[in-house]
Amino acid sequence: MKRTLICHIISCLLLFYCMQSKQAAAQSFSKEVFAQRRQQLMDKMEGGVAIFKSATVANRNNDVDYEYRQDSDFYYLTGFEEPESAFLLIPGAEQEFVMFVRQRNPAMEKWAGKRYGAAGSMKVFGADTAFTFHKFEEMLPGYLRGKSKVYYSMNDEEFNNKLLSMMKRRRGNPPKHLIDPLQFVHEMRLIKSAYEIDLLKRSIGITGDAHLEAMKATEPGMYEYEIEAIIEYIYRRNGSPRVGFPSIVGSGLNSTVLHYETNNRQTRSGDVVVIDIGAEFGYYSADVTRTIPVNGRFSKEQKEIYEIVLAAQQAGINMIAPGVRTNEIREKIAEVVKNGLYRLGLITDLDSNWQYRIWYPHGPCHWLGLDVHDAGSYRGTDGKRSRILEAGMVTTVEPGIYVGENSLDNLLQLRKQFGQDVQAEEINNFIDKVRPVANKYTNIGIRIEDDVLVTERGRELLSAKAPREIKAIEDMMKKASFVNK
């Protein structure tokens, strides 16, 4: 009955809400914001010409393409979403911002929707001049003539060869230096403006709503893809045009697979399900993970693992503030995880650099923004290996512990991943001592992830809408969803 209702609701309303979501996303466009970003980049350039090309269209099958999404850097500097486009930035020129876009074509627009064309690119997106895209390669040598530097990221293999050929030509004093402009753009993207933070708050809020509905709707016997369908319906209903990344809904053994995306298993009572999801709004992605018990109540063993992960995550969140280095957060989280695993008997040596990584194999933080793993270096600008946090950065905090049914069986083959040459005898002794304990926690995977803004005075937890505490999750799961009313 529940599955039938899900399908009915989604099929009746999805098109309507998709239309609403595209309109909502379009309302976030501000021509002035993109102009300021371009100027900031040109201020970092030492003359020359910067070249950016749009993301290519990917064919799905036969005459059907995958849904198009513009390259994040291209969008960051223009707000322009159409494929088959390019633009130049020429600081100091009479026309500094030059766009190349698809030509208006009434026949094609009848099939695929309106195009802005050259005139629309100038009027709506602020180009100083614009041409049709088929003239791009023909006109580019003229723009390169007399310039000593070209800023280009070499992100299009076919075009790369053409550009290098243009630069090697002797006639017309061609450019001599090729510089990657993304080193500047990605640093710009790392510090979020108030405009960007508003968009992130919107995407994170929508994701929180999806988590709440998933908690209320989940029950034994549902398939993972049913939970996914509820989540993504909430996205569309609240104005998100797409997922920021494929939704992870992993139950049972799948909860211990870090980036599981198949989402086709039928859940069972006694499972936990890891729900790692993120809506996109205005091109900005959320990334929020909750782990919930399918039957609405955590078991004793599930609680024991969950409490370690929650304590580690909270310790990491508490440290976030301007001036703190990212490695300090990582080390604090690892310390809490190690102590918890040792207390349960899942590791035997607190000083070991490899034992805890069997159960906690990934880093706990990444930048968040236009991409779910957003641009920006993790190395310090002062030459040190870790970055100092600054106001305006947005990071996730996401520790996890994963006890898969085969976690101990493959340790000898995986020992090189521990970063040191661990002897087989040491590993076998570890397995003998730990296996009886690991059997108690088999197929329990727990990950908790939140999105945190670094502020002038400390931090702001952006994803607090979705409960993290055990009791709060269990209480939420007692409530009725629109699916089972």
Protein backbone atom coordinates (compact mmCIF):
# COMPACT_ATOMS: atom_id res chain seq x y z
CA MET A 1 0.00 0.00 0.00
CA LYS A 2 2.77 2.40 0.99
CA ARG A 3 4.73 1.79 -2.21
CA THR A 4 1.66 2.35 -4.35
CA LEU A 5 1.02 5.66 -2.65
CA ILE A 6 4.63 6.75 -3.13
CA CYS A 7 4.43 6.05 -6.86
CA HIS A 8 1.09 7.82 -7.16
CA ILE A 9 2.26 10.94 -5.36
CA ILE A 10 5.52 11.17 -7.26
CA SER A 11 4.02 10.52 -10.68
CA CYS A 12 1.24 13.08 -10.17
CA LEU A 13 3.27 15.88 -8.66
CA LEU A 14 6.89 15.50 -9.77
CA LEU A 15 6.53 17.40 -13.04
CA PHE A 16 4.74 20.25 -11.31
CA TYR A 17 7.37 20.57 -8.61
CA CYS A 18 10.23 20.21 -11.08
CA MET A 19 8.85 23.25 -12.88
CA GLN A 20 8.61 25.10 -9.58
CA SER A 21 12.13 24.09 -8.58
CA LYS A 22 13.68 25.39 -11.80
CA GLN A 23 11.91 28.70 -11.29
CA ALA A 24 13.06 28.85 -7.68
CA ALA A 25 16.66 28.14 -8.67
CA ALA A 26 16.52 30.78 -11.39
CA GLN A 27 15.43 33.38 -8.86
CA SER A 28 18.81 33.09 -7.15
CA PHE A 29 20.64 34.54 -10.19
CA SER A 30 22.38 37.88 -9.68
CA LYS A 31 24.33 39.30 -12.63
CA GLU A 32 26.30 41.61 -10.33
CA VAL A 33 27.60 38.72 -8.22
CA PHE A 34 29.14 37.02 -11.26
CA ALA A 35 30.59 40.30 -12.54
CA GLN A 36 32.34 40.85 -9.22
CA ARG A 37 33.85 37.35 -9.38
CA ARG A 38 35.17 37.91 -12.89
CA GLN A 39 36.71 41.19 -11.82
CA GLN A 40 38.33 39.51 -8.83
CA LEU A 41 39.89 36.92 -11.14
CA MET A 42 41.07 39.54 -13.64
CA ASP A 43 42.70 41.45 -10.77
CA LYS A 44 44.81 38.33 -10.11
CA MET A 45 45.81 37.91 -13.76
CA GLU A 46 48.91 39.60 -15.10
CA GLY A 47 47.49 40.62 -18.44
CA GLY A 48 46.89 37.92 -21.02
CA VAL A 49 43.69 36.08 -21.84
CA ALA A 50 41.72 33.59 -19.76
CA ILE A 51 39.80 30.90 -21.64
CA PHE A 52 36.94 28.87 -20.16
CA LYS A 53 34.89 26.21 -21.91
CA SER A 54 31.56 24.76 -20.83
CA ALA A 55 31.03 21.18 -19.72
CA THR A 56 30.46 18.80 -22.61
CA VAL A 57 27.17 17.02 -23.18
CA ALA A 58 27.37 13.33 -22.23
CA ASN A 59 25.40 10.85 -24.28
CA ARG A 60 23.37 8.35 -22.27
CA ASN A 61 22.21 6.06 -25.04
CA ASN A 62 21.35 6.44 -28.73
CA ASP A 63 19.80 9.91 -29.13
CA VAL A 64 19.30 10.55 -25.39
CA ASP A 65 21.76 12.59 -23.33
CA TYR A 66 22.31 12.70 -19.58
CA GLU A 67 20.79 15.68 -17.82
CA TYR A 68 23.16 18.58 -18.42
CA ARG A 69 24.85 20.46 -15.62
CA GLN A 70 27.25 23.28 -16.31
CA ASP A 71 30.89 23.05 -15.21
CA SER A 72 31.10 24.52 -11.71
CA ASP A 73 33.94 26.95 -12.46
CA PHE A 74 32.26 28.13 -15.65
CA TYR A 75 29.01 28.70 -13.76
CA TYR A 76 30.80 30.40 -10.85
CA LEU A 77 32.12 33.10 -13.19
CA THR A 78 29.09 33.54 -15.46
CA GLY A 79 25.86 32.00 -14.14
CA PHE A 80 25.41 30.66 -17.67
CA GLU A 81 23.99 27.13 -17.88
CA GLU A 82 23.92 26.28 -21.60
CA PRO A 83 26.30 23.76 -23.20
CA GLU A 84 28.44 24.45 -26.29
CA SER A 85 29.70 27.73 -24.90
CA ALA A 86 32.95 29.43 -23.97
CA PHE A 87 34.11 32.79 -22.69
CA LEU A 88 37.23 34.91 -22.56
CA LEU A 89 38.42 37.34 -19.91
CA ILE A 90 40.82 39.99 -21.22
CA PRO A 91 41.75 42.42 -18.43
CA GLY A 92 42.35 45.96 -19.63
CA ALA A 93 40.72 45.41 -23.04
CA GLU A 94 37.87 47.55 -24.28
CA GLN A 95 35.71 44.41 -24.19
CA GLU A 96 36.92 42.38 -21.21
CA PHE A 97 34.19 39.70 -21.11
CA VAL A 98 33.59 37.92 -24.42
CA MET A 99 31.09 35.05 -24.71
CA PHE A 100 30.59 32.39 -27.38
CA VAL A 101 27.20 30.68 -27.18
CA ARG A 102 24.78 28.59 -29.19
CA GLN A 103 22.94 30.40 -31.94
CA ARG A 104 19.22 31.05 -31.58
CA ASN A 105 17.44 28.33 -33.54
CA PRO A 106 13.63 28.22 -33.50
CA ALA A 107 13.54 24.63 -34.78
CA MET A 108 15.89 23.35 -32.03
CA GLU A 109 14.25 25.51 -29.39
CA LYS A 110 10.95 23.83 -30.19
CA TRP A 111 12.53 20.52 -29.11
CA ALA A 112 14.84 21.54 -26.28
CA GLY A 113 13.79 24.97 -25.03
CA LYS A 114 14.86 28.56 -25.43
CA ARG A 115 18.46 29.62 -25.99
CA TYR A 116 19.83 33.00 -24.97
CA GLY A 117 21.91 33.54 -28.07
CA ALA A 118 24.49 36.32 -28.44
CA ALA A 119 22.06 39.14 -27.67
CA GLY A 120 20.72 37.42 -24.56
CA SER A 121 24.25 36.71 -23.35
CA MET A 122 25.00 40.42 -23.34
CA LYS A 123 21.66 41.56 -21.93
CA VAL A 124 21.18 38.89 -19.23
CA PHE A 125 24.70 37.78 -18.37
CA GLY A 126 26.62 41.01 -18.90
CA ALA A 127 28.93 40.00 -21.73
CA ASP A 128 30.66 42.99 -23.33
CA THR A 129 30.26 41.24 -26.67
CA ALA A 130 29.14 37.80 -27.79
CA PHE A 131 29.34 35.55 -30.82
CA THR A 132 28.00 32.19 -31.86
CA PHE A 133 29.98 29.23 -30.57
CA HIS A 134 30.96 27.93 -34.00
CA LYS A 135 33.14 31.06 -34.40
CA PHE A 136 35.10 30.41 -31.19
CA GLU A 137 38.11 28.59 -32.59
CA GLU A 138 38.14 30.80 -35.70
CA MET A 139 38.26 34.03 -33.69
CA LEU A 140 40.47 32.87 -30.79
CA PRO A 141 43.87 33.41 -32.52
CA GLY A 142 42.99 37.07 -32.98
CA TYR A 143 42.35 37.46 -29.26
CA LEU A 144 45.60 35.66 -28.42
CA ARG A 145 47.74 37.82 -30.74
CA GLY A 146 50.13 40.04 -28.84
CA LYS A 147 49.36 38.39 -25.47
CA SER A 148 52.23 36.84 -23.55
CA LYS A 149 50.08 34.68 -21.24
CA VAL A 150 47.12 32.36 -21.66
CA TYR A 151 45.16 31.24 -18.61
CA TYR A 152 43.54 27.88 -19.34
CA SER A 153 43.03 24.69 -17.31
CA MET A 154 43.52 22.18 -20.17
CA ASN A 155 40.16 20.56 -19.37
CA ASP A 156 39.17 19.66 -22.93
CA GLU A 157 41.54 17.17 -24.55
CA GLU A 158 40.46 17.86 -28.12
CA PHE A 159 40.70 21.63 -27.69
CA ASN A 160 43.99 21.39 -25.78
CA ASN A 161 45.87 20.29 -28.88
CA LYS A 162 44.39 23.11 -30.93
CA LEU A 163 45.28 25.69 -28.31
CA LEU A 164 48.85 24.44 -27.98
CA SER A 165 49.16 24.55 -31.75
CA MET A 166 47.99 28.17 -31.77
CA MET A 167 50.52 29.07 -29.09
CA LYS A 168 53.39 27.45 -31.00
CA ARG A 169 52.82 29.38 -34.20
CA ARG A 170 55.55 31.94 -34.76
CA ARG A 171 53.53 34.37 -36.83
CA GLY A 172 51.85 37.19 -34.92
CA ASN A 173 53.87 37.03 -31.67
CA PRO A 174 51.93 34.17 -29.99
CA PRO A 175 51.66 33.67 -26.19
CA LYS A 176 54.60 32.03 -24.47
CA HIS A 177 53.13 31.07 -21.09
CA LEU A 178 50.21 28.77 -20.22
CA ILE A 179 48.86 29.25 -16.68
CA ASP A 180 46.08 27.36 -14.93
CA PRO A 181 43.48 29.94 -13.79
CA LEU A 182 41.78 27.44 -11.46
CA GLN A 183 44.50 27.99 -8.86
CA PHE A 184 42.94 31.45 -8.41
CA VAL A 185 39.30 30.50 -8.98
CA HIS A 186 39.39 27.66 -6.47
CA GLU A 187 40.85 29.88 -3.77
CA MET A 188 38.05 32.34 -4.48
CA ARG A 189 35.47 29.56 -4.19
CA LEU A 190 36.84 28.43 -0.83
CA ILE A 191 35.67 31.55 1.03
CA LYS A 192 31.90 31.80 0.67
CA SER A 193 30.12 35.13 0.33
CA ALA A 194 26.83 35.92 2.08
CA TYR A 195 25.12 35.22 -1.26
CA GLU A 196 26.66 31.74 -1.42
CA ILE A 197 25.91 30.99 2.22
CA ASP A 198 22.24 31.78 1.64
CA LEU A 199 22.15 29.27 -1.22
CA LEU A 200 23.93 26.64 0.87
CA LYS A 201 21.49 27.17 3.72
CA ARG A 202 18.65 26.60 1.29
CA SER A 203 20.10 23.36 -0.08
CA ILE A 204 20.98 22.12 3.40
CA GLY A 205 17.53 23.00 4.73
CA ILE A 206 15.87 21.04 1.91
CA THR A 207 18.16 18.10 2.68
CA GLY A 208 17.16 18.31 6.34
CA ASP A 209 13.50 18.13 5.35
CA ALA A 210 14.26 15.03 3.28
CA HIS A 211 15.98 13.38 6.25
CA LEU A 212 13.00 14.08 8.48
CA GLU A 213 10.60 12.51 5.99
CA ALA A 214 12.89 9.50 5.52
CA MET A 215 13.01 8.97 9.27
CA LYS A 216 9.22 9.12 9.54
CA ALA A 217 8.58 6.86 6.53
CA THR A 218 11.22 4.13 6.93
CA GLU A 219 10.03 0.73 8.14
CA PRO A 220 11.14 -2.90 7.69
CA GLY A 221 10.42 -4.33 4.27
CA MET A 222 10.89 -1.11 2.35
CA TYR A 223 13.44 -1.18 -0.43
CA GLU A 224 16.32 1.25 -0.28
CA TYR A 225 15.14 2.83 -3.53
CA GLU A 226 11.76 3.60 -1.94
CA ILE A 227 13.51 5.64 0.74
CA GLU A 228 15.55 7.30 -1.99
CA ALA A 229 12.35 8.15 -3.89
CA ILE A 230 10.84 9.84 -0.83
CA ILE A 231 14.02 11.86 -0.30
CA GLU A 232 14.23 13.08 -3.87
CA TYR A 233 10.53 13.87 -4.00
CA ILE A 234 11.07 16.20 -1.02
CA TYR A 235 13.92 17.82 -2.93
CA ARG A 236 11.71 18.66 -5.89
CA ARG A 237 8.83 19.70 -3.69
CA ASN A 238 11.04 22.25 -1.96
CA GLY A 239 12.71 23.76 -5.01
CA SER A 240 15.80 21.62 -5.63
CA PRO A 241 16.22 20.80 -9.33
CA ARG A 242 18.62 17.89 -8.81
CA VAL A 243 20.73 15.90 -6.39
CA GLY A 244 24.15 17.24 -5.51
CA PHE A 245 25.44 13.66 -5.81
CA PRO A 246 23.84 10.21 -6.16
CA SER A 247 21.91 9.43 -2.99
CA ILE A 248 23.45 6.79 -0.71
CA VAL A 249 20.83 4.67 1.06
CA GLY A 250 22.61 1.61 2.45
CA SER A 251 21.04 -0.90 4.85
CA GLY A 252 22.48 -3.97 6.56
CA LEU A 253 25.79 -4.94 4.98
CA ASN A 254 25.40 -2.00 2.59
CA SER A 255 25.69 0.38 5.54
CA THR A 256 29.35 -0.62 5.73
CA VAL A 257 30.05 0.24 2.06
CA LEU A 258 31.30 3.81 2.08
CA HIS A 259 29.91 5.06 -1.25
CA TYR A 260 27.21 2.49 -1.90
CA GLU A 261 24.82 3.77 -4.59
CA THR A 262 22.89 0.75 -5.90
CA ASN A 263 20.02 1.23 -3.43
CA ASN A 264 18.17 -1.96 -4.35
CA ARG A 265 18.17 -4.08 -1.18
CA GLN A 266 15.04 -4.77 0.84
CA THR A 267 15.50 -3.55 4.42
CA ARG A 268 14.97 -5.81 7.41
CA SER A 269 14.14 -5.27 11.04
CA GLY A 270 17.41 -5.03 12.94
CA ASP A 271 19.22 -3.18 10.14
CA VAL A 272 20.60 0.29 10.33
CA VAL A 273 20.46 2.35 7.16
CA VAL A 274 23.04 5.00 6.30
CA ILE A 275 21.40 7.87 4.43
CA ASP A 276 24.07 10.13 2.92
CA ILE A 277 22.31 12.72 0.76
CA GLY A 278 22.49 16.27 -0.53
CA ALA A 279 20.06 18.44 -2.44
CA GLU A 280 21.36 21.04 -4.84
CA PHE A 281 19.94 24.56 -4.94
CA GLY A 282 21.26 27.40 -7.08
CA TYR A 283 24.11 25.01 -8.01
CA TYR A 284 25.19 24.68 -4.33
CA SER A 285 25.14 21.22 -2.77
CA ALA A 286 24.38 20.01 0.73
CA ASP A 287 25.94 16.87 2.20
CA VAL A 288 24.22 15.52 5.31
CA THR A 289 24.33 11.94 6.61
CA ARG A 290 22.15 10.29 9.19
CA THR A 291 22.11 6.65 10.28
CA ILE A 292 18.78 5.32 11.50
CA PRO A 293 17.40 1.96 12.71
CA VAL A 294 14.98 0.50 10.19
CA ASN A 295 12.59 -0.70 12.89
CA GLY A 296 12.72 2.58 14.79
CA ARG A 297 14.85 1.42 17.73
CA PHE A 298 18.62 1.13 17.94
CA SER A 299 19.88 -2.15 19.37
CA LYS A 300 22.43 -2.17 22.20
CA GLU A 301 25.28 -2.88 19.78
CA GLN A 302 24.12 -0.24 17.32
CA LYS A 303 23.94 2.31 20.14
CA GLU A 304 27.48 1.49 21.26
CA ILE A 305 28.91 2.19 17.82
CA TYR A 306 26.65 5.19 17.26
CA GLU A 307 27.66 6.87 20.51
CA ILE A 308 31.34 6.67 19.58
CA VAL A 309 30.74 8.24 16.18
CA LEU A 310 28.50 10.96 17.61
CA ALA A 311 31.02 11.84 20.34
CA ALA A 312 33.83 12.00 17.77
CA GLN A 313 31.78 14.18 15.45
CA GLN A 314 30.77 16.56 18.22
CA ALA A 315 34.39 16.85 19.35
CA GLY A 316 35.34 17.82 15.80
CA ILE A 317 32.50 20.32 15.44
CA ASN A 318 33.41 21.94 18.75
CA MET A 319 36.91 22.69 17.47
CA ILE A 320 35.84 24.56 14.34
CA ALA A 321 36.80 28.22 14.56
CA PRO A 322 39.04 30.69 12.71
CA GLY A 323 42.71 29.95 13.30
CA VAL A 324 42.30 26.20 13.86
CA ARG A 325 44.16 23.91 11.48
CA THR A 326 42.26 21.15 9.70
CA ASN A 327 44.68 18.47 10.91
CA GLU A 328 43.89 19.38 14.53
CA ILE A 329 40.24 18.53 13.88
CA ARG A 330 41.17 15.26 12.16
CA GLU A 331 43.46 14.25 15.02
CA LYS A 332 40.86 15.02 17.68
CA ILE A 333 38.20 12.97 15.89
CA ALA A 334 40.62 10.07 15.43
CA GLU A 335 41.51 10.19 19.13
CA VAL A 336 37.87 9.87 20.18
CA VAL A 337 37.25 7.06 17.67
CA LYS A 338 40.35 5.16 18.83
CA ASN A 339 39.36 5.38 22.48
CA GLY A 340 35.86 4.17 21.70
CA LEU A 341 37.04 1.25 19.57
CA TYR A 342 39.55 0.26 22.26
CA ARG A 343 36.84 0.37 24.92
CA LEU A 344 34.68 -2.01 22.86
CA GLY A 345 37.60 -4.30 22.07
CA LEU A 346 37.64 -3.63 18.32
CA ILE A 347 41.27 -2.53 18.54
CA THR A 348 43.94 -3.79 20.92
CA ASP A 349 46.52 -0.98 20.82
CA LEU A 350 45.75 2.72 21.24
CA ASP A 351 49.16 3.63 19.84
CA SER A 352 48.71 1.66 16.64
CA ASN A 353 48.56 3.75 13.48
CA TRP A 354 46.70 1.10 11.50
CA GLN A 355 44.25 -0.82 13.68
CA TYR A 356 41.58 1.88 13.96
CA ARG A 357 41.71 2.49 10.20
CA ILE A 358 40.14 -0.92 9.60
CA TRP A 359 36.90 0.42 11.06
CA TYR A 360 37.36 4.14 10.28
CA PRO A 361 39.00 4.27 6.83
CA HIS A 362 38.21 7.78 5.56
CA GLY A 363 38.89 11.39 6.41
CA PRO A 364 36.31 13.27 8.48
CA CYS A 365 36.10 16.59 6.63
CA HIS A 366 35.86 18.13 3.17
CA TRP A 367 34.96 21.53 1.75
CA LEU A 368 31.39 22.10 0.60
CA GLY A 369 29.97 24.44 -2.03
CA LEU A 370 29.28 24.28 -5.77
CA ASP A 371 30.66 20.74 -5.66
CA VAL A 372 29.92 18.32 -2.85
CA HIS A 373 33.68 17.86 -2.47
CA ASP A 374 34.31 21.49 -3.19
CA ALA A 375 37.28 23.28 -4.66
CA GLY A 376 40.07 24.71 -2.53
CA SER A 377 43.40 23.42 -1.31
CA TYR A 378 43.71 21.58 2.00
CA ARG A 379 47.35 22.59 2.27
CA GLY A 380 48.22 25.66 4.27
CA THR A 381 49.01 28.89 2.44
CA ASP A 382 51.96 29.16 4.85
CA GLY A 383 53.59 26.07 3.37
CA LYS A 384 52.38 23.68 6.05
CA ARG A 385 50.44 20.54 5.20
CA SER A 386 47.13 21.56 6.75
CA ARG A 387 44.92 24.59 6.20
CA ILE A 388 44.05 27.22 8.78
CA LEU A 389 40.30 27.74 8.96
CA GLU A 390 38.97 31.18 8.02
CA ALA A 391 35.55 32.77 8.30
CA GLY A 392 33.46 31.94 5.25
CA MET A 393 34.74 28.40 4.78
CA VAL A 394 32.17 25.61 4.86
CA THR A 395 33.26 22.12 5.81
CA THR A 396 31.62 18.80 6.55
CA VAL A 397 32.35 16.79 9.69
CA GLU A 398 31.66 13.11 9.04
CA PRO A 399 33.34 10.38 11.05
CA GLY A 400 32.13 6.83 10.60
CA ILE A 401 32.68 3.30 11.89
CA TYR A 402 31.95 0.35 9.60
CA VAL A 403 31.99 -3.29 10.75
CA GLY A 404 31.42 -5.29 7.60
CA GLU A 405 31.04 -9.05 7.69
CA ASN A 406 34.30 -9.47 5.75
CA SER A 407 36.27 -6.64 7.36
CA LEU A 408 38.82 -8.94 8.98
CA ASP A 409 39.08 -11.49 6.18
CA ASN A 410 40.93 -9.26 3.74
CA LEU A 411 43.39 -7.53 6.06
CA LEU A 412 46.47 -9.31 4.74
CA GLN A 413 45.67 -8.22 1.18
CA LEU A 414 44.88 -4.67 2.30
CA ARG A 415 47.84 -4.09 4.60
CA LYS A 416 49.62 -1.79 2.13
CA GLN A 417 46.74 0.64 2.52
CA PHE A 418 47.72 1.16 6.16
CA GLY A 419 50.66 3.28 5.03
CA GLN A 420 53.28 1.02 6.53
CA ASP A 421 54.59 -2.50 6.14
CA VAL A 422 52.59 -4.29 8.81
CA GLN A 423 53.83 -7.82 9.34
CA ALA A 424 51.49 -10.75 8.65
CA GLU A 425 52.04 -12.17 12.14
CA GLU A 426 50.93 -8.89 13.74
CA ILE A 427 47.78 -8.83 11.63
CA ASN A 428 46.92 -12.47 12.36
CA ASN A 429 47.34 -11.94 16.09
CA PHE A 430 45.06 -8.90 15.87
CA ILE A 431 42.41 -10.87 13.97
CA ASP A 432 42.43 -13.70 16.54
CA LYS A 433 41.86 -11.28 19.41
CA VAL A 434 39.30 -9.03 17.74
CA ARG A 435 37.13 -11.41 15.73
CA PRO A 436 34.83 -12.47 18.62
CA VAL A 437 34.10 -8.81 19.33
CA ALA A 438 33.66 -7.91 15.67
CA ASN A 439 31.08 -10.67 15.29
CA LYS A 440 28.85 -8.82 17.80
CA TYR A 441 28.82 -5.71 15.59
CA THR A 442 28.69 -7.37 12.16
CA ASN A 443 27.04 -5.29 9.44
CA ILE A 444 26.71 -2.19 11.58
CA GLY A 445 27.85 0.87 9.67
CA ILE A 446 27.39 4.26 11.31
CA ARG A 447 28.18 7.61 9.68
CA ILE A 448 27.00 11.01 10.89
CA GLU A 449 27.74 14.05 8.76
CA ASP A 450 26.95 17.71 9.20
CA ASP A 451 27.72 20.93 7.34
CA VAL A 452 29.45 23.65 9.34
CA LEU A 453 30.15 27.29 8.47
CA VAL A 454 33.24 28.92 9.95
CA THR A 455 32.17 32.30 11.33
CA GLU A 456 34.13 35.25 12.70
CA ARG A 457 33.56 34.05 16.27
CA GLY A 458 33.43 30.30 15.82
CA ARG A 459 31.00 28.15 13.88
CA GLU A 460 27.41 27.73 12.75
CA LEU A 461 25.92 24.26 12.39
CA LEU A 462 23.93 24.57 9.17
CA SER A 463 22.37 21.11 9.20
CA ALA A 464 20.86 21.01 12.69
CA LYS A 465 17.34 20.46 11.31
CA ALA A 466 17.92 16.70 11.04
CA PRO A 467 18.28 15.18 14.53
CA ARG A 468 21.50 13.39 15.48
CA GLU A 469 20.85 12.18 19.02
CA ILE A 470 19.62 8.61 19.45
CA LYS A 471 16.44 9.52 21.34
CA ALA A 472 15.60 12.34 18.94
CA ILE A 473 15.93 10.01 15.95
CA GLU A 474 13.79 7.32 17.58
CA ASP A 475 11.15 9.91 18.52
CA MET A 476 11.09 11.27 14.97
CA MET A 477 10.63 7.77 13.58
CA LYS A 478 7.44 7.37 15.64
CA LYS A 479 5.81 10.21 13.71
CA ALA A 480 3.64 9.69 10.66
CA SER A 481 4.95 10.50 7.21
CA PHE A 482 2.79 11.71 4.35
CA VAL A 483 3.54 8.26 2.92
CA ASN A 484 1.80 6.32 5.68
CA LYS A 485 -0.95 8.67 6.79
